[in-house]
Structures are given as structure tokens and as C-alpha cells.
Amino acid sequence: MATLTIPNTFVNGATIVAAEHNANFTAVKTFVDGLASGTNFDAGAINTEDIAAAAITASKIATGAVTAAKIETSVALTTPNIGAATGTSLTTTGQVIGRFTISPVVGTYSFVLADEGKLTEFDNAGATNVTIQNDSGANFPVGAQLLAVQTGAGQVTFVAGGGVTLNATPGLKLRAQYSSAVLIKRAANSWIILGDLAA
């Protein structure tokens, strides 16, 4: 490694004494040490490349410095987003992200938007019709999933609302008590039903 040589005179010929050498080396060392910690830079002089990921910790971030508005300007969030997550929709218990809400129903029924993400239980003694509304009645997003289970003795039949197409095999009925199905919206006014079905 090359050796740094410091001349013992200034440009104007003045002699540098030992004390000045020491002071200059101390100042240089302080500055160089500061490069690693960033203490010698103001906020506008630090680039992303200057900061190691491990150097940023929760204790170094000022309270209130990270806001939803700042995140949303640089990260594309979908709905529901981080700010919209409330209640028990997200949890850190083990690996659980969410749980189904159980929604008991008695009598004939038409699915509504609030049923997405729920397990709808049909507990009827007699046969029951369950209608899937068209987009003008309940405009579910494409890919929406509705879960249904027949907990009563009355057989559940899925019925298409006006203009709705339901695709299933062998038929549109739940086969028996405790049979279940998932209804998936695959296009506008078009659904597919998967599960324990009967003609």
C-alpha cells in the first residue's frame, strides 16, 4: 500500500509543527469515520447507496415519520390495503392471515357483496333456493368466491338471477346435508360452482 507523505511546510513555506500535524490528522480521521455513520452529511447529501440496510432500525426512525400518505406515493397498494386493515382481518398469531366468518341463513336467500369471504350456512328443513344476483344487483369483482354449506335437511338449489350464467356439474344442487360448494365469479354475470353437487 502506498505511503501518504505529508510535507512539513505549507505552500507559502511556513513550517508545520508537530501539534499542527496531529490536529490535521485528527480532523481527517473524524471526517473519514463520519463517512461510515453519516454524521458529517446533511439530509440532502446522503444517497441510498450510502446507507446499509442494517443501519436503519426502528429506534432511528422518528415517531410519525412514516405515514400512509408517504407509503402510498411510492408503493402501489391494492384494496384492501395496509391502512384499511382493521379488526381481526390480519393477525400475527402463527401463520394465520384471516378466518372465515360463519353466516347462518334460514329461508330463501340471495347472495350480497358482504357474503364474500364468509361461510354461508343454509339451515332449512325444506328445499331452499339461493339466488346469485346479476351485476346490477350485486356487482362482485371477477374472482370473488362465495362459500356455501347445507347444514339443514332441506336441499339447497343455486338459482341464476336475470342474465346470470351458472356453470356446474352434474347440477346446481348441493347433494345432501353437509354438502358444500364454492361459487367463483369468472366474468361479468358468469359463475362457476365447484363442490359436492347433484343434478
C-alpha atoms as a PDB file:
ATOM      1  CA  MET A   1       0.000   0.000   0.000  1.00  0.00           C
ATOM      2  CA  ALA A   2       1.303   3.450  -0.886  1.00  0.00           C
ATOM      3  CA  THR A   3       2.531   5.616   1.971  1.00  0.00           C
ATOM      4  CA  LEU A   4       0.941   9.018   2.467  1.00  0.00           C
ATOM      5  CA  THR A   5       3.636  11.626   2.819  1.00  0.00           C
ATOM      6  CA  ILE A   6       2.765  14.968   4.395  1.00  0.00           C
ATOM      7  CA  PRO A   7       5.219  17.764   3.634  1.00  0.00           C
ATOM      8  CA  ASN A   8       6.450  19.649   6.651  1.00  0.00           C
ATOM      9  CA  THR A   9       5.942  23.057   5.013  1.00  0.00           C
ATOM     10  CA  PHE A  10       2.925  24.870   3.706  1.00  0.00           C
ATOM     11  CA  VAL A  11       2.820  26.188   0.162  1.00  0.00           C
ATOM     12  CA  ASN A  12       3.966  29.570   1.439  1.00  0.00           C
ATOM     13  CA  GLY A  13       6.980  27.973   3.118  1.00  0.00           C
ATOM     14  CA  ALA A  14       5.759  28.100   6.713  1.00  0.00           C
ATOM     15  CA  THR A  15       6.834  25.134   8.817  1.00  0.00           C
ATOM     16  CA  ILE A  16       4.183  22.713  10.108  1.00  0.00           C
ATOM     17  CA  VAL A  17       4.923  21.839  13.693  1.00  0.00           C
ATOM     18  CA  ALA A  18       4.084  18.506  15.308  1.00  0.00           C
ATOM     19  CA  ALA A  19       0.995  19.877  17.042  1.00  0.00           C
ATOM     20  CA  GLU A  20      -0.453  21.003  13.717  1.00  0.00           C
ATOM     21  CA  HIS A  21       0.281  17.613  12.178  1.00  0.00           C
ATOM     22  CA  ASN A  22      -1.640  15.923  14.980  1.00  0.00           C
ATOM     23  CA  ALA A  23      -4.560  18.329  14.730  1.00  0.00           C
ATOM     24  CA  ASN A  24      -4.817  17.846  10.970  1.00  0.00           C
ATOM     25  CA  PHE A  25      -4.694  14.044  11.194  1.00  0.00           C
ATOM     26  CA  THR A  26      -7.343  14.095  13.942  1.00  0.00           C
ATOM     27  CA  ALA A  27      -9.638  16.239  11.783  1.00  0.00           C
ATOM     28  CA  VAL A  28      -9.189  13.943   8.774  1.00  0.00           C
ATOM     29  CA  LYS A  29      -9.816  10.821  10.864  1.00  0.00           C
ATOM     30  CA  THR A  30     -13.000  12.342  12.325  1.00  0.00           C
ATOM     31  CA  PHE A  31     -14.273  13.114   8.847  1.00  0.00           C
ATOM     32  CA  VAL A  32     -13.447   9.651   7.479  1.00  0.00           C
ATOM     33  CA  ASP A  33     -15.058   7.951  10.476  1.00  0.00           C
ATOM     34  CA  GLY A  34     -18.096  10.087   9.835  1.00  0.00           C
ATOM     35  CA  LEU A  35     -18.436   8.732   6.312  1.00  0.00           C
ATOM     36  CA  ALA A  36     -19.445   5.355   7.747  1.00  0.00           C
ATOM     37  CA  SER A  37     -22.001   6.771  10.154  1.00  0.00           C
ATOM     38  CA  GLY A  38     -23.277   9.607   8.005  1.00  0.00           C
ATOM     39  CA  THR A  39     -22.775  12.148  10.817  1.00  0.00           C
ATOM     40  CA  ASN A  40     -20.924  14.582   8.563  1.00  0.00           C
ATOM     41  CA  PHE A  41     -23.691  14.779   5.963  1.00  0.00           C
ATOM     42  CA  ASP A  42     -26.856  16.811   5.957  1.00  0.00           C
ATOM     43  CA  ALA A  43     -30.087  15.152   4.821  1.00  0.00           C
ATOM     44  CA  GLY A  44     -29.722  16.177   1.203  1.00  0.00           C
ATOM     45  CA  ALA A  45     -26.234  14.726   0.816  1.00  0.00           C
ATOM     46  CA  ILE A  46     -26.966  11.098   1.734  1.00  0.00           C
ATOM     47  CA  ASN A  47     -27.834   8.822  -1.157  1.00  0.00           C
ATOM     48  CA  THR A  48     -29.494   5.409  -0.964  1.00  0.00           C
ATOM     49  CA  GLU A  49     -26.149   3.817  -1.759  1.00  0.00           C
ATOM     50  CA  ASP A  50     -24.582   5.419   1.329  1.00  0.00           C
ATOM     51  CA  ILE A  51     -26.881   3.647   3.798  1.00  0.00           C
ATOM     52  CA  ALA A  52     -26.617  -0.051   4.511  1.00  0.00           C
ATOM     53  CA  ALA A  53     -29.943  -1.775   5.102  1.00  0.00           C
ATOM     54  CA  ALA A  54     -28.794  -2.976   8.520  1.00  0.00           C
ATOM     55  CA  ALA A  55     -28.127   0.626   9.580  1.00  0.00           C
ATOM     56  CA  ILE A  56     -31.839   1.526   9.556  1.00  0.00           C
ATOM     57  CA  THR A  57     -33.607   0.354  12.691  1.00  0.00           C
ATOM     58  CA  ALA A  58     -36.943   1.208  14.272  1.00  0.00           C
ATOM     59  CA  SER A  59     -35.204   3.215  17.011  1.00  0.00           C
ATOM     60  CA  LYS A  60     -33.610   5.501  14.393  1.00  0.00           C
ATOM     61  CA  ILE A  61     -36.919   6.381  12.702  1.00  0.00           C
ATOM     62  CA  ALA A  62     -38.639   9.345  14.282  1.00  0.00           C
ATOM     63  CA  THR A  63     -42.157   8.816  15.601  1.00  0.00           C
ATOM     64  CA  GLY A  64     -44.656   9.806  12.945  1.00  0.00           C
ATOM     65  CA  ALA A  65     -42.011   9.997  10.201  1.00  0.00           C
ATOM     66  CA  VAL A  66     -43.544   7.105   8.247  1.00  0.00           C
ATOM     67  CA  THR A  67     -47.125   7.841   7.200  1.00  0.00           C
ATOM     68  CA  ALA A  68     -49.674   6.093   4.989  1.00  0.00           C
ATOM     69  CA  ALA A  69     -49.515   9.025   2.554  1.00  0.00           C
ATOM     70  CA  LYS A  70     -45.738   8.664   2.160  1.00  0.00           C
ATOM     71  CA  ILE A  71     -46.022   4.907   1.606  1.00  0.00           C
ATOM     72  CA  GLU A  72     -48.838   5.271  -0.915  1.00  0.00           C
ATOM     73  CA  THR A  73     -46.821   7.726  -3.039  1.00  0.00           C
ATOM     74  CA  SER A  74     -44.056   5.171  -3.598  1.00  0.00           C
ATOM     75  CA  VAL A  75     -45.780   1.784  -3.227  1.00  0.00           C
ATOM     76  CA  ALA A  76     -48.788   0.656  -5.242  1.00  0.00           C
ATOM     77  CA  LEU A  77     -51.275  -0.672  -2.689  1.00  0.00           C
ATOM     78  CA  THR A  78     -54.448  -2.529  -3.595  1.00  0.00           C
ATOM     79  CA  THR A  79     -57.756  -2.554  -1.743  1.00  0.00           C
ATOM     80  CA  PRO A  80     -57.931  -3.632   0.992  1.00  0.00           C
ATOM     81  CA  ASN A  81     -54.601  -2.000   1.690  1.00  0.00           C
ATOM     82  CA  ILE A  82     -52.421  -1.732   4.797  1.00  0.00           C
ATOM     83  CA  GLY A  83     -54.260   1.313   6.074  1.00  0.00           C
ATOM     84  CA  ALA A  84     -57.636  -0.346   5.547  1.00  0.00           C
ATOM     85  CA  ALA A  85     -56.749  -3.498   7.505  1.00  0.00           C
ATOM     86  CA  THR A  86     -58.675  -3.319  10.771  1.00  0.00           C
ATOM     87  CA  GLY A  87     -60.132  -5.580  13.410  1.00  0.00           C
ATOM     88  CA  THR A  88     -59.157  -9.225  13.103  1.00  0.00           C
ATOM     89  CA  SER A  89     -58.651  -9.313   9.335  1.00  0.00           C
ATOM     90  CA  LEU A  90     -54.895  -9.589   9.910  1.00  0.00           C
ATOM     91  CA  THR A  91     -53.216 -11.347  12.798  1.00  0.00           C
ATOM     92  CA  THR A  92     -49.718 -12.311  13.852  1.00  0.00           C
ATOM     93  CA  THR A  93     -50.864 -15.477  15.622  1.00  0.00           C
ATOM     94  CA  GLY A  94     -48.827 -18.215  13.980  1.00  0.00           C
ATOM     95  CA  GLN A  95     -49.268 -18.046  10.212  1.00  0.00           C
ATOM     96  CA  VAL A  96     -52.972 -17.110  10.259  1.00  0.00           C
ATOM     97  CA  ILE A  97     -53.882 -14.248   7.921  1.00  0.00           C
ATOM     98  CA  GLY A  98     -57.640 -14.347   8.342  1.00  0.00           C
ATOM     99  CA  ARG A  99     -60.564 -16.506   9.397  1.00  0.00           C
ATOM    100  CA  PHE A 100     -63.949 -17.181   7.839  1.00  0.00           C
ATOM    101  CA  THR A 101     -66.985 -15.567   9.387  1.00  0.00           C
ATOM    102  CA  ILE A 102     -69.819 -18.087   9.794  1.00  0.00           C
ATOM    103  CA  SER A 103     -73.110 -16.676   8.479  1.00  0.00           C
ATOM    104  CA  PRO A 104     -76.205 -18.811   9.234  1.00  0.00           C
ATOM    105  CA  VAL A 105     -79.203 -18.327   6.919  1.00  0.00           C
ATOM    106  CA  VAL A 106     -82.767 -19.597   7.260  1.00  0.00           C
ATOM    107  CA  GLY A 107     -85.156 -19.396   4.301  1.00  0.00           C
ATOM    108  CA  THR A 108     -84.619 -18.437   0.666  1.00  0.00           C
ATOM    109  CA  TYR A 109     -81.665 -16.161   0.080  1.00  0.00           C
ATOM    110  CA  SER A 110     -79.810 -14.002  -2.460  1.00  0.00           C
ATOM    111  CA  PHE A 111     -76.056 -13.566  -2.096  1.00  0.00           C
ATOM    112  CA  VAL A 112     -74.909  -9.997  -1.356  1.00  0.00           C
ATOM    113  CA  LEU A 113     -71.476  -8.378  -1.547  1.00  0.00           C
ATOM    114  CA  ALA A 114     -70.951  -8.789   2.199  1.00  0.00           C
ATOM    115  CA  ASP A 115     -71.023 -12.585   1.773  1.00  0.00           C
ATOM    116  CA  GLU A 116     -67.632 -12.689   0.064  1.00  0.00           C
ATOM    117  CA  GLY A 117     -65.095 -14.255   2.408  1.00  0.00           C
ATOM    118  CA  LYS A 118     -67.819 -15.783   4.608  1.00  0.00           C
ATOM    119  CA  LEU A 119     -69.089 -19.330   5.004  1.00  0.00           C
ATOM    120  CA  THR A 120     -72.851 -19.144   4.478  1.00  0.00           C
ATOM    121  CA  GLU A 121     -74.745 -21.971   6.216  1.00  0.00           C
ATOM    122  CA  PHE A 122     -78.215 -22.853   4.968  1.00  0.00           C
ATOM    123  CA  ASP A 123     -80.147 -24.476   7.814  1.00  0.00           C
ATOM    124  CA  ASN A 124     -83.591 -25.232   6.460  1.00  0.00           C
ATOM    125  CA  ALA A 125     -85.983 -28.139   6.938  1.00  0.00           C
ATOM    126  CA  GLY A 126     -87.409 -27.768   3.414  1.00  0.00           C
ATOM    127  CA  ALA A 127     -85.910 -27.201  -0.026  1.00  0.00           C
ATOM    128  CA  THR A 128     -84.255 -23.798  -0.409  1.00  0.00           C
ATOM    129  CA  ASN A 129     -83.421 -21.619  -3.405  1.00  0.00           C
ATOM    130  CA  VAL A 130     -80.281 -19.468  -3.234  1.00  0.00           C
ATOM    131  CA  THR A 131     -80.021 -16.794  -5.934  1.00  0.00           C
ATOM    132  CA  ILE A 132     -76.843 -15.398  -7.471  1.00  0.00           C
ATOM    133  CA  GLN A 133     -77.783 -11.857  -8.476  1.00  0.00           C
ATOM    134  CA  ASN A 134     -76.709 -10.184 -11.707  1.00  0.00           C
ATOM    135  CA  ASP A 135     -74.119  -7.428 -11.712  1.00  0.00           C
ATOM    136  CA  SER A 136     -76.699  -4.674 -11.371  1.00  0.00           C
ATOM    137  CA  GLY A 137     -77.976  -6.303  -8.177  1.00  0.00           C
ATOM    138  CA  ALA A 138     -74.651  -7.298  -6.600  1.00  0.00           C
ATOM    139  CA  ASN A 139     -71.562  -6.486  -8.667  1.00  0.00           C
ATOM    140  CA  PHE A 140     -68.980  -8.886  -7.254  1.00  0.00           C
ATOM    141  CA  PRO A 141     -65.442  -8.428  -8.626  1.00  0.00           C
ATOM    142  CA  VAL A 142     -64.200 -11.087 -11.034  1.00  0.00           C
ATOM    143  CA  GLY A 143     -62.501 -13.775  -8.944  1.00  0.00           C
ATOM    144  CA  ALA A 144     -64.838 -13.322  -5.971  1.00  0.00           C
ATOM    145  CA  GLN A 145     -65.550 -16.510  -4.021  1.00  0.00           C
ATOM    146  CA  LEU A 146     -68.683 -17.417  -2.091  1.00  0.00           C
ATOM    147  CA  LEU A 147     -68.701 -20.457   0.198  1.00  0.00           C
ATOM    148  CA  ALA A 148     -71.935 -22.329   0.920  1.00  0.00           C
ATOM    149  CA  VAL A 149     -72.811 -25.371   3.045  1.00  0.00           C
ATOM    150  CA  GLN A 150     -76.145 -27.113   3.591  1.00  0.00           C
ATOM    151  CA  THR A 151     -76.439 -27.722   7.326  1.00  0.00           C
ATOM    152  CA  GLY A 152     -80.172 -28.480   7.301  1.00  0.00           C
ATOM    153  CA  ALA A 153     -82.111 -31.318   5.706  1.00  0.00           C
ATOM    154  CA  GLY A 154     -83.636 -29.015   3.064  1.00  0.00           C
ATOM    155  CA  GLN A 155     -81.758 -29.312  -0.234  1.00  0.00           C
ATOM    156  CA  VAL A 156     -80.121 -26.122  -1.496  1.00  0.00           C
ATOM    157  CA  THR A 157     -80.537 -25.194  -5.176  1.00  0.00           C
ATOM    158  CA  PHE A 158     -78.473 -22.385  -6.703  1.00  0.00           C
ATOM    159  CA  VAL A 159     -80.562 -20.178  -8.974  1.00  0.00           C
ATOM    160  CA  ALA A 160     -79.264 -17.755 -11.628  1.00  0.00           C
ATOM    161  CA  GLY A 161     -80.575 -14.197 -11.459  1.00  0.00           C
ATOM    162  CA  GLY A 162     -81.639 -12.438 -14.674  1.00  0.00           C
ATOM    163  CA  GLY A 163     -78.818 -12.562 -17.205  1.00  0.00           C
ATOM    164  CA  VAL A 164     -76.563 -14.705 -14.998  1.00  0.00           C
ATOM    165  CA  THR A 165     -74.898 -17.891 -16.241  1.00  0.00           C
ATOM    166  CA  LEU A 166     -74.114 -20.638 -13.712  1.00  0.00           C
ATOM    167  CA  ASN A 167     -71.795 -23.466 -14.798  1.00  0.00           C
ATOM    168  CA  ALA A 168     -71.624 -26.626 -12.690  1.00  0.00           C
ATOM    169  CA  THR A 169     -71.649 -30.394 -12.977  1.00  0.00           C
ATOM    170  CA  PRO A 170     -73.631 -32.557 -12.558  1.00  0.00           C
ATOM    171  CA  GLY A 171     -76.151 -29.893 -11.469  1.00  0.00           C
ATOM    172  CA  LEU A 172     -76.911 -26.802  -9.396  1.00  0.00           C
ATOM    173  CA  LYS A 173     -77.966 -28.504  -6.134  1.00  0.00           C
ATOM    174  CA  LEU A 174     -75.990 -29.416  -3.040  1.00  0.00           C
ATOM    175  CA  ARG A 175     -76.102 -33.205  -2.853  1.00  0.00           C
ATOM    176  CA  ALA A 176     -77.035 -33.774   0.807  1.00  0.00           C
ATOM    177  CA  GLN A 177     -76.909 -32.364   4.314  1.00  0.00           C
ATOM    178  CA  TYR A 178     -73.383 -31.015   4.984  1.00  0.00           C
ATOM    179  CA  SER A 179     -72.532 -30.878   1.288  1.00  0.00           C
ATOM    180  CA  SER A 180     -70.697 -27.688   0.398  1.00  0.00           C
ATOM    181  CA  ALA A 181     -69.650 -25.662  -2.640  1.00  0.00           C
ATOM    182  CA  VAL A 182     -67.616 -22.640  -3.672  1.00  0.00           C
ATOM    183  CA  LEU A 183     -69.047 -20.218  -6.213  1.00  0.00           C
ATOM    184  CA  ILE A 184     -66.425 -18.310  -8.221  1.00  0.00           C
ATOM    185  CA  LYS A 185     -67.157 -15.327 -10.445  1.00  0.00           C
ATOM    186  CA  ARG A 186     -65.159 -15.845 -13.650  1.00  0.00           C
ATOM    187  CA  ALA A 187     -66.521 -12.986 -15.811  1.00  0.00           C
ATOM    188  CA  ALA A 188     -69.330 -10.440 -15.853  1.00  0.00           C
ATOM    189  CA  ASN A 189     -72.560 -12.237 -14.834  1.00  0.00           C
ATOM    190  CA  SER A 190     -70.800 -15.600 -15.177  1.00  0.00           C
ATOM    191  CA  TRP A 191     -70.092 -18.004 -12.319  1.00  0.00           C
ATOM    192  CA  ILE A 192     -68.703 -21.499 -11.890  1.00  0.00           C
ATOM    193  CA  ILE A 193     -69.751 -23.708  -8.964  1.00  0.00           C
ATOM    194  CA  LEU A 194     -67.399 -26.349  -7.561  1.00  0.00           C
ATOM    195  CA  GLY A 195     -68.303 -28.806  -4.834  1.00  0.00           C
ATOM    196  CA  ASP A 196     -70.422 -31.734  -3.710  1.00  0.00           C
ATOM    197  CA  LEU A 197     -73.244 -31.189  -6.223  1.00  0.00           C
ATOM    198  CA  ALA A 198     -76.223 -33.076  -7.624  1.00  0.00           C
ATOM    199  CA  ALA A 199     -78.481 -32.764 -10.654  1.00  0.00           C
END
